[in-house]
Amino acid sequence: MKGVELPINILVVVAIAVIVLLALVALYFIGFSPFSTSISIEGVKNAACSELVRRGCADLTNTIGVNFDADGDGDTGATGTWVWRTSVCNVAVGAGDNLASLCNCSYSRTSEADCKRLCGCP
């Protein structure tokens, strides 16, 4: 009776599969996620929109209540005068980290009414 033999190429494929699986497990445990940025932006938007709706859809320029750089100037919480732009976010103005800058910079909304509609306000 002849023994069962595994071809060398099967062993190589199994070894590569084990290495890939270990790499994926390692990335999971260190917290790597390619979707983490988009999820956090969406989470910040949802929280800011909830606050806006709670305040009666009144003021888009209140600072976002989390440590998030909405206007892309490298500083969180900076205040300034917000100016709606037709192009996506001009960080030179230093418009502050508020819902208005988040709408303009991350969602390409170019008016207060458009930003309010993004949040579900009339």
C-alpha atoms as a PDB file:
ATOM      1  CA  MET A   1       0.000   0.000   0.000  1.00  0.00           C
ATOM      2  CA  LYS A   2       1.417   3.329  -1.076  1.00  0.00           C
ATOM      3  CA  GLY A   3       1.383   6.350   1.337  1.00  0.00           C
ATOM      4  CA  VAL A   4      -0.484   9.566   0.603  1.00  0.00           C
ATOM      5  CA  GLU A   5       1.853  12.174  -0.793  1.00  0.00           C
ATOM      6  CA  LEU A   6       1.288  15.941  -0.990  1.00  0.00           C
ATOM      7  CA  PRO A   7       2.806  17.718  -3.959  1.00  0.00           C
ATOM      8  CA  ILE A   8       5.246  20.514  -3.056  1.00  0.00           C
ATOM      9  CA  ASN A   9       3.065  23.188  -4.703  1.00  0.00           C
ATOM     10  CA  ILE A  10       0.162  22.358  -2.347  1.00  0.00           C
ATOM     11  CA  LEU A  11       2.489  22.845   0.623  1.00  0.00           C
ATOM     12  CA  VAL A  12       3.631  26.214  -0.732  1.00  0.00           C
ATOM     13  CA  VAL A  13       0.036  27.401  -1.234  1.00  0.00           C
ATOM     14  CA  VAL A  14      -0.921  26.340   2.296  1.00  0.00           C
ATOM     15  CA  ALA A  15       2.143  28.128   3.751  1.00  0.00           C
ATOM     16  CA  ILE A  16       1.286  31.355   1.886  1.00  0.00           C
ATOM     17  CA  ALA A  17      -2.343  31.139   3.024  1.00  0.00           C
ATOM     18  CA  VAL A  18      -1.246  30.743   6.655  1.00  0.00           C
ATOM     19  CA  ILE A  19       1.096  33.771   6.380  1.00  0.00           C
ATOM     20  CA  VAL A  20      -1.669  35.930   4.877  1.00  0.00           C
ATOM     21  CA  LEU A  21      -4.113  34.821   7.559  1.00  0.00           C
ATOM     22  CA  LEU A  22      -1.627  35.658  10.322  1.00  0.00           C
ATOM     23  CA  ALA A  23      -1.002  39.089   8.768  1.00  0.00           C
ATOM     24  CA  LEU A  24      -4.751  39.832   8.702  1.00  0.00           C
ATOM     25  CA  VAL A  25      -5.121  38.765  12.323  1.00  0.00           C
ATOM     26  CA  ALA A  26      -2.172  40.967  13.311  1.00  0.00           C
ATOM     27  CA  LEU A  27      -3.691  43.984  11.511  1.00  0.00           C
ATOM     28  CA  TYR A  28      -6.994  43.371  13.276  1.00  0.00           C
ATOM     29  CA  PHE A  29      -5.345  43.289  16.700  1.00  0.00           C
ATOM     30  CA  ILE A  30      -3.335  46.490  16.158  1.00  0.00           C
ATOM     31  CA  GLY A  31      -6.514  48.295  15.128  1.00  0.00           C
ATOM     32  CA  PHE A  32      -5.783  48.958  11.453  1.00  0.00           C
ATOM     33  CA  SER A  33      -8.863  49.723   9.412  1.00  0.00           C
ATOM     34  CA  PRO A  34      -8.880  51.363   5.971  1.00  0.00           C
ATOM     35  CA  PHE A  35     -12.435  52.583   6.681  1.00  0.00           C
ATOM     36  CA  SER A  36     -11.726  54.276  10.015  1.00  0.00           C
ATOM     37  CA  THR A  37     -11.377  57.816   8.570  1.00  0.00           C
ATOM     38  CA  SER A  38     -14.627  57.766   6.647  1.00  0.00           C
ATOM     39  CA  ILE A  39     -16.454  56.243   9.594  1.00  0.00           C
ATOM     40  CA  SER A  40     -15.146  58.902  11.963  1.00  0.00           C
ATOM     41  CA  ILE A  41     -16.104  61.723   9.578  1.00  0.00           C
ATOM     42  CA  GLU A  42     -19.585  60.252   9.241  1.00  0.00           C
ATOM     43  CA  GLY A  43     -19.831  59.851  13.018  1.00  0.00           C
ATOM     44  CA  VAL A  44     -18.761  63.452  13.602  1.00  0.00           C
ATOM     45  CA  LYS A  45     -21.282  64.650  11.022  1.00  0.00           C
ATOM     46  CA  ASN A  46     -24.060  62.629  12.627  1.00  0.00           C
ATOM     47  CA  ALA A  47     -23.251  63.966  16.106  1.00  0.00           C
ATOM     48  CA  ALA A  48     -23.010  67.570  14.869  1.00  0.00           C
ATOM     49  CA  CYS A  49     -26.237  67.243  12.879  1.00  0.00           C
ATOM     50  CA  SER A  50     -28.020  65.817  15.926  1.00  0.00           C
ATOM     51  CA  GLU A  51     -26.903  68.830  17.932  1.00  0.00           C
ATOM     52  CA  LEU A  52     -28.013  71.186  15.145  1.00  0.00           C
ATOM     53  CA  VAL A  53     -31.472  69.606  14.981  1.00  0.00           C
ATOM     54  CA  ARG A  54     -31.723  69.684  18.796  1.00  0.00           C
ATOM     55  CA  ARG A  55     -31.031  73.449  18.692  1.00  0.00           C
ATOM     56  CA  GLY A  56     -33.767  73.969  16.106  1.00  0.00           C
ATOM     57  CA  CYS A  57     -31.528  74.014  13.017  1.00  0.00           C
ATOM     58  CA  ALA A  58     -30.237  77.452  13.946  1.00  0.00           C
ATOM     59  CA  ASP A  59     -26.438  77.875  13.991  1.00  0.00           C
ATOM     60  CA  LEU A  60     -23.926  75.934  11.891  1.00  0.00           C
ATOM     61  CA  THR A  61     -20.898  77.775  13.269  1.00  0.00           C
ATOM     62  CA  ASN A  62     -20.849  76.375  16.810  1.00  0.00           C
ATOM     63  CA  THR A  63     -17.662  74.405  17.384  1.00  0.00           C
ATOM     64  CA  ILE A  64     -18.025  70.646  16.943  1.00  0.00           C
ATOM     65  CA  GLY A  65     -17.974  69.007  20.362  1.00  0.00           C
ATOM     66  CA  VAL A  66     -15.201  66.532  19.544  1.00  0.00           C
ATOM     67  CA  ASN A  67     -11.496  66.806  18.848  1.00  0.00           C
ATOM     68  CA  PHE A  68     -11.861  66.858  15.040  1.00  0.00           C
ATOM     69  CA  ASP A  69     -10.179  69.065  12.428  1.00  0.00           C
ATOM     70  CA  ALA A  70     -13.202  69.869  10.238  1.00  0.00           C
ATOM     71  CA  ASP A  71     -11.647  72.748   8.283  1.00  0.00           C
ATOM     72  CA  GLY A  72      -8.365  70.924   7.579  1.00  0.00           C
ATOM     73  CA  ASP A  73      -6.050  73.592   9.000  1.00  0.00           C
ATOM     74  CA  GLY A  74      -4.251  71.217  11.378  1.00  0.00           C
ATOM     75  CA  ASP A  75      -5.781  72.802  14.488  1.00  0.00           C
ATOM     76  CA  THR A  76      -8.864  71.496  16.256  1.00  0.00           C
ATOM     77  CA  GLY A  77     -11.294  74.020  17.651  1.00  0.00           C
ATOM     78  CA  ALA A  78      -9.847  77.140  16.033  1.00  0.00           C
ATOM     79  CA  THR A  79     -12.418  79.841  15.527  1.00  0.00           C
ATOM     80  CA  GLY A  80     -12.761  82.302  12.711  1.00  0.00           C
ATOM     81  CA  THR A  81     -15.239  83.818  10.314  1.00  0.00           C
ATOM     82  CA  TRP A  82     -16.876  81.234   8.109  1.00  0.00           C
ATOM     83  CA  VAL A  83     -17.262  82.029   4.397  1.00  0.00           C
ATOM     84  CA  TRP A  84     -19.060  79.573   2.105  1.00  0.00           C
ATOM     85  CA  ARG A  85     -16.936  78.579  -0.866  1.00  0.00           C
ATOM     86  CA  THR A  86     -17.761  77.049  -4.202  1.00  0.00           C
ATOM     87  CA  SER A  87     -14.566  75.010  -4.091  1.00  0.00           C
ATOM     88  CA  VAL A  88     -13.820  72.508  -1.352  1.00  0.00           C
ATOM     89  CA  CYS A  89     -12.333  74.073   1.789  1.00  0.00           C
ATOM     90  CA  ASN A  90      -9.720  76.803   1.701  1.00  0.00           C
ATOM     91  CA  VAL A  91      -7.745  76.217   4.899  1.00  0.00           C
ATOM     92  CA  ALA A  92      -5.927  79.553   4.675  1.00  0.00           C
ATOM     93  CA  VAL A  93      -8.931  81.393   6.092  1.00  0.00           C
ATOM     94  CA  GLY A  94      -8.947  79.394   9.364  1.00  0.00           C
ATOM     95  CA  ALA A  95     -12.701  79.106   9.495  1.00  0.00           C
ATOM     96  CA  GLY A  96     -12.969  77.004  12.614  1.00  0.00           C
ATOM     97  CA  ASP A  97     -13.924  73.431  13.291  1.00  0.00           C
ATOM     98  CA  ASN A  98     -17.677  73.646  13.040  1.00  0.00           C
ATOM     99  CA  LEU A  99     -20.500  72.002  11.150  1.00  0.00           C
ATOM    100  CA  ALA A 100     -20.318  74.596   8.379  1.00  0.00           C
ATOM    101  CA  SER A 101     -16.664  73.797   7.648  1.00  0.00           C
ATOM    102  CA  LEU A 102     -17.365  70.059   7.897  1.00  0.00           C
ATOM    103  CA  CYS A 103     -20.181  70.390   5.353  1.00  0.00           C
ATOM    104  CA  ASN A 104     -18.041  72.456   3.002  1.00  0.00           C
ATOM    105  CA  CYS A 105     -14.737  70.614   3.370  1.00  0.00           C
ATOM    106  CA  SER A 106     -15.871  67.000   3.629  1.00  0.00           C
ATOM    107  CA  TYR A 107     -19.251  66.997   1.874  1.00  0.00           C
ATOM    108  CA  SER A 108     -18.749  69.769  -0.734  1.00  0.00           C
ATOM    109  CA  ARG A 109     -21.822  71.693   0.466  1.00  0.00           C
ATOM    110  CA  THR A 110     -21.578  75.316  -0.626  1.00  0.00           C
ATOM    111  CA  SER A 111     -24.425  77.002   1.245  1.00  0.00           C
ATOM    112  CA  GLU A 112     -25.975  77.071   4.681  1.00  0.00           C
ATOM    113  CA  ALA A 113     -29.257  75.730   3.317  1.00  0.00           C
ATOM    114  CA  ASP A 114     -27.460  72.849   1.569  1.00  0.00           C
ATOM    115  CA  CYS A 115     -25.643  71.946   4.785  1.00  0.00           C
ATOM    116  CA  LYS A 116     -28.868  72.042   6.761  1.00  0.00           C
ATOM    117  CA  ARG A 117     -30.494  69.736   4.206  1.00  0.00           C
ATOM    118  CA  LEU A 118     -27.580  67.312   4.715  1.00  0.00           C
ATOM    119  CA  CYS A 119     -28.581  67.198   8.384  1.00  0.00           C
ATOM    120  CA  GLY A 120     -32.265  66.777   7.669  1.00  0.00           C
ATOM    121  CA  CYS A 121     -33.306  70.319   8.508  1.00  0.00           C
ATOM    122  CA  PRO A 122     -35.904  72.131   6.372  1.00  0.00           C
END
